[in-house]
């Protein structure tokens, strides 16, 4: 809502700048809304539509896992114009399976079929294997920052604090060079002083494990 200012009466005679100073002071002390607060107060049609589809996308993923779990390779949203697109990946028969699942979706024209090499179960298995071997990699001097599943790349993803070529090459050979993406990133801040591992969720890193020291 617009800001309303209460102006105290100021004598016309005397200091004519007094009112201007008071207006300037009130303008400086007025709290400013962040972009996110403005979006929540006056949501755009695009944001409303994206939020409206969120429960439906969750139900779509559940249906894909239930019906075609053995070939399901992931689901994600790509935002461009409007509400964006929904990508649904399978290792085989993607077109037919997406057509079947789209019949129960509120906006079937928004779903795109994607062919993938590895199932989500395969990607998650590699991610879990790296996590189980975490102590070993730390003993080899490899400081792992995070372990996750990159569903768009259809691979597990490992972020390290510093590139150690011998350990990196050994990791690739152990889990398969095509099954793993390794990159260098700065360490993340723990959400608390007592936690050592936390699940994290982002648009691209669907599910991951934060690794750090207490």
C-alpha atoms as a PDB file:
ATOM      1  CA  UNK A   1       0.000   0.000   0.000  1.00  0.00           C
ATOM      2  CA  UNK A   2       1.232   3.550  -0.567  1.00  0.00           C
ATOM      3  CA  UNK A   3       3.038   5.333   2.230  1.00  0.00           C
ATOM      4  CA  UNK A   4       1.004   8.097   3.910  1.00  0.00           C
ATOM      5  CA  UNK A   5       2.828  10.961   5.531  1.00  0.00           C
ATOM      6  CA  UNK A   6       1.467  12.983   8.417  1.00  0.00           C
ATOM      7  CA  UNK A   7       2.738  16.513   8.144  1.00  0.00           C
ATOM      8  CA  UNK A   8       2.679  18.684  11.200  1.00  0.00           C
ATOM      9  CA  UNK A   9       1.571  22.254  10.576  1.00  0.00           C
ATOM     10  CA  UNK A  10       4.487  24.528   9.925  1.00  0.00           C
ATOM     11  CA  UNK A  11       4.149  28.274  10.223  1.00  0.00           C
ATOM     12  CA  UNK A  12       4.381  30.008   6.890  1.00  0.00           C
ATOM     13  CA  UNK A  13       6.594  32.599   8.407  1.00  0.00           C
ATOM     14  CA  UNK A  14      10.023  31.547   9.523  1.00  0.00           C
ATOM     15  CA  UNK A  15      12.084  28.654   8.218  1.00  0.00           C
ATOM     16  CA  UNK A  16      10.500  27.558   4.919  1.00  0.00           C
ATOM     17  CA  UNK A  17      12.869  24.559   4.619  1.00  0.00           C
ATOM     18  CA  UNK A  18      11.561  22.891   7.773  1.00  0.00           C
ATOM     19  CA  UNK A  19       8.864  20.912   5.983  1.00  0.00           C
ATOM     20  CA  UNK A  20      11.266  19.790   3.272  1.00  0.00           C
ATOM     21  CA  UNK A  21      13.698  18.494   5.873  1.00  0.00           C
ATOM     22  CA  UNK A  22      10.965  16.523   7.613  1.00  0.00           C
ATOM     23  CA  UNK A  23       9.847  14.984   4.319  1.00  0.00           C
ATOM     24  CA  UNK A  24      13.419  14.011   3.484  1.00  0.00           C
ATOM     25  CA  UNK A  25      13.895  12.479   6.934  1.00  0.00           C
ATOM     26  CA  UNK A  26      10.722  10.375   6.619  1.00  0.00           C
ATOM     27  CA  UNK A  27      11.780   9.202   3.142  1.00  0.00           C
ATOM     28  CA  UNK A  28      15.152   8.040   4.462  1.00  0.00           C
ATOM     29  CA  UNK A  29      13.630   6.071   7.349  1.00  0.00           C
ATOM     30  CA  UNK A  30      10.932   4.355   5.233  1.00  0.00           C
ATOM     31  CA  UNK A  31      11.672   0.617   5.121  1.00  0.00           C
ATOM     32  CA  UNK A  32      12.407  -0.728   1.653  1.00  0.00           C
ATOM     33  CA  UNK A  33      10.970  -3.958   0.379  1.00  0.00           C
ATOM     34  CA  UNK A  34      13.225  -6.498  -1.195  1.00  0.00           C
ATOM     35  CA  UNK A  35      12.447  -7.853  -4.649  1.00  0.00           C
ATOM     36  CA  UNK A  36      11.242 -11.118  -3.095  1.00  0.00           C
ATOM     37  CA  UNK A  37       8.945  -9.280  -0.662  1.00  0.00           C
ATOM     38  CA  UNK A  38       7.451  -7.297  -3.523  1.00  0.00           C
ATOM     39  CA  UNK A  39       6.925 -10.499  -5.491  1.00  0.00           C
ATOM     40  CA  UNK A  40       5.101 -12.081  -2.558  1.00  0.00           C
ATOM     41  CA  UNK A  41       2.981  -8.983  -1.960  1.00  0.00           C
ATOM     42  CA  UNK A  42       2.092  -8.558  -5.634  1.00  0.00           C
ATOM     43  CA  UNK A  43       2.853 -11.941  -7.275  1.00  0.00           C
ATOM     44  CA  UNK A  44       3.190 -11.968 -11.019  1.00  0.00           C
ATOM     45  CA  UNK A  45       1.039 -14.238 -13.129  1.00  0.00           C
ATOM     46  CA  UNK A  46       4.129 -16.268 -14.083  1.00  0.00           C
ATOM     47  CA  UNK A  47       5.023 -16.953 -10.427  1.00  0.00           C
ATOM     48  CA  UNK A  48       1.449 -17.923  -9.614  1.00  0.00           C
ATOM     49  CA  UNK A  49       1.356 -20.354 -12.522  1.00  0.00           C
ATOM     50  CA  UNK A  50       4.692 -21.908 -11.545  1.00  0.00           C
ATOM     51  CA  UNK A  51       3.555 -22.414  -7.964  1.00  0.00           C
ATOM     52  CA  UNK A  52       0.261 -23.815  -9.143  1.00  0.00           C
ATOM     53  CA  UNK A  53       2.037 -26.540 -11.094  1.00  0.00           C
ATOM     54  CA  UNK A  54       4.391 -27.566  -8.278  1.00  0.00           C
ATOM     55  CA  UNK A  55       2.050 -30.137  -6.635  1.00  0.00           C
ATOM     56  CA  UNK A  56       1.139 -31.524 -10.055  1.00  0.00           C
ATOM     57  CA  UNK A  57       4.822 -31.981 -10.953  1.00  0.00           C
ATOM     58  CA  UNK A  58       5.358 -33.864  -7.699  1.00  0.00           C
ATOM     59  CA  UNK A  59       2.447 -36.151  -8.516  1.00  0.00           C
ATOM     60  CA  UNK A  60       3.843 -36.649 -12.018  1.00  0.00           C
ATOM     61  CA  UNK A  61       7.194 -37.764 -10.617  1.00  0.00           C
ATOM     62  CA  UNK A  62       5.464 -40.176  -8.242  1.00  0.00           C
ATOM     63  CA  UNK A  63       3.493 -41.674 -11.130  1.00  0.00           C
ATOM     64  CA  UNK A  64       6.633 -41.994 -13.280  1.00  0.00           C
ATOM     65  CA  UNK A  65       8.499 -43.810 -10.525  1.00  0.00           C
ATOM     66  CA  UNK A  66       5.546 -46.069  -9.762  1.00  0.00           C
ATOM     67  CA  UNK A  67       4.774 -47.096 -13.349  1.00  0.00           C
ATOM     68  CA  UNK A  68       8.200 -47.027 -14.958  1.00  0.00           C
ATOM     69  CA  UNK A  69      10.669 -47.092 -12.097  1.00  0.00           C
ATOM     70  CA  UNK A  70      12.998 -49.502 -13.873  1.00  0.00           C
ATOM     71  CA  UNK A  71      13.636 -46.968 -16.682  1.00  0.00           C
ATOM     72  CA  UNK A  72      12.898 -43.663 -14.915  1.00  0.00           C
ATOM     73  CA  UNK A  73      15.871 -41.284 -15.253  1.00  0.00           C
ATOM     74  CA  UNK A  74      14.642 -38.056 -13.677  1.00  0.00           C
ATOM     75  CA  UNK A  75      12.319 -35.084 -13.915  1.00  0.00           C
ATOM     76  CA  UNK A  76      13.151 -31.371 -13.801  1.00  0.00           C
ATOM     77  CA  UNK A  77      11.773 -28.000 -14.806  1.00  0.00           C
ATOM     78  CA  UNK A  78      13.412 -25.557 -17.199  1.00  0.00           C
ATOM     79  CA  UNK A  79      12.263 -21.982 -16.765  1.00  0.00           C
ATOM     80  CA  UNK A  80      12.213 -19.696 -19.748  1.00  0.00           C
ATOM     81  CA  UNK A  81       9.183 -17.780 -20.878  1.00  0.00           C
ATOM     82  CA  UNK A  82       5.900 -18.356 -19.119  1.00  0.00           C
ATOM     83  CA  UNK A  83       5.799 -21.308 -16.718  1.00  0.00           C
ATOM     84  CA  UNK A  84       8.675 -23.105 -18.460  1.00  0.00           C
ATOM     85  CA  UNK A  85       8.922 -26.729 -19.558  1.00  0.00           C
ATOM     86  CA  UNK A  86       8.865 -30.029 -17.678  1.00  0.00           C
ATOM     87  CA  UNK A  87      11.497 -32.551 -18.719  1.00  0.00           C
ATOM     88  CA  UNK A  88      10.801 -36.222 -18.074  1.00  0.00           C
ATOM     89  CA  UNK A  89      13.610 -38.689 -18.822  1.00  0.00           C
ATOM     90  CA  UNK A  90      13.661 -42.455 -19.375  1.00  0.00           C
ATOM     91  CA  UNK A  91      16.320 -44.859 -20.593  1.00  0.00           C
ATOM     92  CA  UNK A  92      14.023 -46.320 -23.259  1.00  0.00           C
ATOM     93  CA  UNK A  93      10.584 -45.667 -24.698  1.00  0.00           C
ATOM     94  CA  UNK A  94      10.563 -42.098 -23.414  1.00  0.00           C
ATOM     95  CA  UNK A  95       8.037 -40.815 -25.962  1.00  0.00           C
ATOM     96  CA  UNK A  96       5.485 -43.525 -25.264  1.00  0.00           C
ATOM     97  CA  UNK A  97       5.843 -43.315 -21.493  1.00  0.00           C
ATOM     98  CA  UNK A  98       5.552 -39.540 -21.429  1.00  0.00           C
ATOM     99  CA  UNK A  99       2.454 -39.732 -23.612  1.00  0.00           C
ATOM    100  CA  UNK A 100       0.912 -42.169 -21.129  1.00  0.00           C
ATOM    101  CA  UNK A 101       1.793 -40.055 -18.082  1.00  0.00           C
ATOM    102  CA  UNK A 102       0.684 -36.803 -19.739  1.00  0.00           C
ATOM    103  CA  UNK A 103      -2.916 -38.011 -19.901  1.00  0.00           C
ATOM    104  CA  UNK A 104      -3.275 -37.454 -16.155  1.00  0.00           C
ATOM    105  CA  UNK A 105      -1.312 -34.187 -16.032  1.00  0.00           C
ATOM    106  CA  UNK A 106      -3.032 -30.816 -15.814  1.00  0.00           C
ATOM    107  CA  UNK A 107      -0.879 -29.297 -18.615  1.00  0.00           C
ATOM    108  CA  UNK A 108       0.175 -32.195 -20.862  1.00  0.00           C
ATOM    109  CA  UNK A 109       1.621 -29.913 -23.570  1.00  0.00           C
ATOM    110  CA  UNK A 110       4.314 -28.704 -21.149  1.00  0.00           C
ATOM    111  CA  UNK A 111       6.002 -32.102 -20.834  1.00  0.00           C
ATOM    112  CA  UNK A 112       8.990 -33.004 -23.007  1.00  0.00           C
ATOM    113  CA  UNK A 113      10.362 -36.552 -23.316  1.00  0.00           C
ATOM    114  CA  UNK A 114      14.114 -36.965 -22.810  1.00  0.00           C
ATOM    115  CA  UNK A 115      16.226 -40.020 -23.639  1.00  0.00           C
ATOM    116  CA  UNK A 116      18.826 -40.881 -21.013  1.00  0.00           C
ATOM    117  CA  UNK A 117      21.622 -43.437 -20.672  1.00  0.00           C
ATOM    118  CA  UNK A 118      21.350 -44.142 -16.939  1.00  0.00           C
ATOM    119  CA  UNK A 119      18.322 -44.604 -14.701  1.00  0.00           C
ATOM    120  CA  UNK A 120      17.836 -42.506 -11.610  1.00  0.00           C
ATOM    121  CA  UNK A 121      18.526 -45.606  -9.537  1.00  0.00           C
ATOM    122  CA  UNK A 122      21.904 -46.015 -11.280  1.00  0.00           C
ATOM    123  CA  UNK A 123      22.837 -42.381 -10.643  1.00  0.00           C
ATOM    124  CA  UNK A 124      21.782 -42.580  -7.007  1.00  0.00           C
ATOM    125  CA  UNK A 125      23.747 -45.812  -6.564  1.00  0.00           C
ATOM    126  CA  UNK A 126      26.953 -44.085  -7.707  1.00  0.00           C
ATOM    127  CA  UNK A 127      26.221 -41.155  -5.415  1.00  0.00           C
ATOM    128  CA  UNK A 128      25.719 -43.460  -2.450  1.00  0.00           C
ATOM    129  CA  UNK A 129      28.856 -45.419  -3.275  1.00  0.00           C
ATOM    130  CA  UNK A 130      30.947 -42.252  -3.179  1.00  0.00           C
ATOM    131  CA  UNK A 131      29.356 -41.311   0.127  1.00  0.00           C
ATOM    132  CA  UNK A 132      30.135 -44.725   1.604  1.00  0.00           C
ATOM    133  CA  UNK A 133      33.775 -44.328   0.559  1.00  0.00           C
ATOM    134  CA  UNK A 134      34.061 -40.813   1.948  1.00  0.00           C
ATOM    135  CA  UNK A 135      36.520 -41.754   4.705  1.00  0.00           C
ATOM    136  CA  UNK A 136      38.797 -43.418   2.155  1.00  0.00           C
ATOM    137  CA  UNK A 137      38.895 -40.377  -0.128  1.00  0.00           C
ATOM    138  CA  UNK A 138      39.626 -38.111   2.796  1.00  0.00           C
ATOM    139  CA  UNK A 139      42.537 -40.376   3.744  1.00  0.00           C
ATOM    140  CA  UNK A 140      43.830 -39.865   0.181  1.00  0.00           C
ATOM    141  CA  UNK A 141      43.876 -36.112   0.721  1.00  0.00           C
ATOM    142  CA  UNK A 142      40.755 -35.432  -1.371  1.00  0.00           C
ATOM    143  CA  UNK A 143      38.570 -32.841   0.357  1.00  0.00           C
ATOM    144  CA  UNK A 144      35.022 -33.507  -0.831  1.00  0.00           C
ATOM    145  CA  UNK A 145      32.626 -30.593  -0.404  1.00  0.00           C
ATOM    146  CA  UNK A 146      29.399 -32.152  -1.687  1.00  0.00           C
ATOM    147  CA  UNK A 147      28.032 -35.291  -3.308  1.00  0.00           C
ATOM    148  CA  UNK A 148      24.868 -35.126  -5.374  1.00  0.00           C
ATOM    149  CA  UNK A 149      22.792 -36.308  -8.318  1.00  0.00           C
ATOM    150  CA  UNK A 150      22.823 -34.043 -11.373  1.00  0.00           C
ATOM    151  CA  UNK A 151      19.653 -35.192 -13.080  1.00  0.00           C
ATOM    152  CA  UNK A 152      20.076 -33.031 -16.178  1.00  0.00           C
ATOM    153  CA  UNK A 153      23.565 -34.376 -16.818  1.00  0.00           C
ATOM    154  CA  UNK A 154      22.313 -37.859 -15.874  1.00  0.00           C
ATOM    155  CA  UNK A 155      25.324 -38.381 -13.621  1.00  0.00           C
ATOM    156  CA  UNK A 156      26.402 -38.258 -10.028  1.00  0.00           C
ATOM    157  CA  UNK A 157      28.277 -35.075  -9.157  1.00  0.00           C
ATOM    158  CA  UNK A 158      31.147 -34.642  -6.713  1.00  0.00           C
ATOM    159  CA  UNK A 159      32.531 -31.240  -5.776  1.00  0.00           C
ATOM    160  CA  UNK A 160      36.007 -31.074  -4.266  1.00  0.00           C
ATOM    161  CA  UNK A 161      37.779 -28.220  -2.559  1.00  0.00           C
ATOM    162  CA  UNK A 162      41.061 -28.783  -4.410  1.00  0.00           C
ATOM    163  CA  UNK A 163      41.950 -30.748  -7.529  1.00  0.00           C
ATOM    164  CA  UNK A 164      44.119 -33.755  -6.660  1.00  0.00           C
ATOM    165  CA  UNK A 165      44.874 -35.497  -9.949  1.00  0.00           C
ATOM    166  CA  UNK A 166      45.913 -38.962  -8.635  1.00  0.00           C
ATOM    167  CA  UNK A 167      42.864 -39.242  -6.372  1.00  0.00           C
ATOM    168  CA  UNK A 168      40.537 -37.828  -9.044  1.00  0.00           C
ATOM    169  CA  UNK A 169      41.747 -40.360 -11.594  1.00  0.00           C
ATOM    170  CA  UNK A 170      41.327 -43.198  -9.106  1.00  0.00           C
ATOM    171  CA  UNK A 171      37.791 -42.036  -8.353  1.00  0.00           C
ATOM    172  CA  UNK A 172      36.919 -41.991 -12.048  1.00  0.00           C
ATOM    173  CA  UNK A 173      38.245 -45.485 -12.552  1.00  0.00           C
ATOM    174  CA  UNK A 174      36.431 -46.838  -9.503  1.00  0.00           C
ATOM    175  CA  UNK A 175      32.963 -45.504 -10.338  1.00  0.00           C
ATOM    176  CA  UNK A 176      33.255 -45.145 -14.104  1.00  0.00           C
ATOM    177  CA  UNK A 177      34.329 -41.964 -15.926  1.00  0.00           C
ATOM    178  CA  UNK A 178      30.936 -41.648 -17.632  1.00  0.00           C
ATOM    179  CA  UNK A 179      28.994 -42.007 -14.379  1.00  0.00           C
ATOM    180  CA  UNK A 180      30.542 -39.132 -12.490  1.00  0.00           C
ATOM    181  CA  UNK A 181      31.136 -35.415 -12.901  1.00  0.00           C
ATOM    182  CA  UNK A 182      33.853 -33.928 -10.688  1.00  0.00           C
ATOM    183  CA  UNK A 183      34.365 -30.205 -10.259  1.00  0.00           C
ATOM    184  CA  UNK A 184      36.114 -27.789  -7.923  1.00  0.00           C
ATOM    185  CA  UNK A 185      34.025 -25.526  -5.719  1.00  0.00           C
ATOM    186  CA  UNK A 186      34.451 -23.483  -2.575  1.00  0.00           C
ATOM    187  CA  UNK A 187      33.384 -25.177   0.672  1.00  0.00           C
ATOM    188  CA  UNK A 188      29.851 -24.402   1.806  1.00  0.00           C
ATOM    189  CA  UNK A 189      28.872 -23.089   5.215  1.00  0.00           C
ATOM    190  CA  UNK A 190      27.256 -25.563   7.596  1.00  0.00           C
ATOM    191  CA  UNK A 191      23.743 -24.711   8.735  1.00  0.00           C
ATOM    192  CA  UNK A 192      24.770 -25.407  12.328  1.00  0.00           C
ATOM    193  CA  UNK A 193      27.937 -25.999  14.297  1.00  0.00           C
ATOM    194  CA  UNK A 194      26.882 -29.509  15.280  1.00  0.00           C
ATOM    195  CA  UNK A 195      25.800 -30.945  11.949  1.00  0.00           C
ATOM    196  CA  UNK A 196      28.258 -32.732   9.708  1.00  0.00           C
ATOM    197  CA  UNK A 197      25.922 -33.752   6.897  1.00  0.00           C
ATOM    198  CA  UNK A 198      22.829 -32.101   5.502  1.00  0.00           C
ATOM    199  CA  UNK A 199      20.576 -32.844   2.561  1.00  0.00           C
ATOM    200  CA  UNK A 200      20.422 -30.031   0.046  1.00  0.00           C
ATOM    201  CA  UNK A 201      18.037 -29.358  -2.826  1.00  0.00           C
ATOM    202  CA  UNK A 202      18.473 -27.090  -5.822  1.00  0.00           C
ATOM    203  CA  UNK A 203      17.140 -26.848  -9.326  1.00  0.00           C
ATOM    204  CA  UNK A 204      20.072 -28.642 -10.927  1.00  0.00           C
ATOM    205  CA  UNK A 205      21.499 -30.608  -8.005  1.00  0.00           C
ATOM    206  CA  UNK A 206      18.341 -32.523  -7.251  1.00  0.00           C
ATOM    207  CA  UNK A 207      19.493 -34.224  -4.086  1.00  0.00           C
ATOM    208  CA  UNK A 208      22.879 -34.140  -2.532  1.00  0.00           C
ATOM    209  CA  UNK A 209      24.943 -34.583   0.577  1.00  0.00           C
ATOM    210  CA  UNK A 210      26.817 -31.738   2.156  1.00  0.00           C
ATOM    211  CA  UNK A 211      30.120 -32.886   3.585  1.00  0.00           C
ATOM    212  CA  UNK A 212      32.056 -30.830   6.089  1.00  0.00           C
ATOM    213  CA  UNK A 213      33.729 -30.819   9.455  1.00  0.00           C
ATOM    214  CA  UNK A 214      32.138 -29.739  12.695  1.00  0.00           C
END
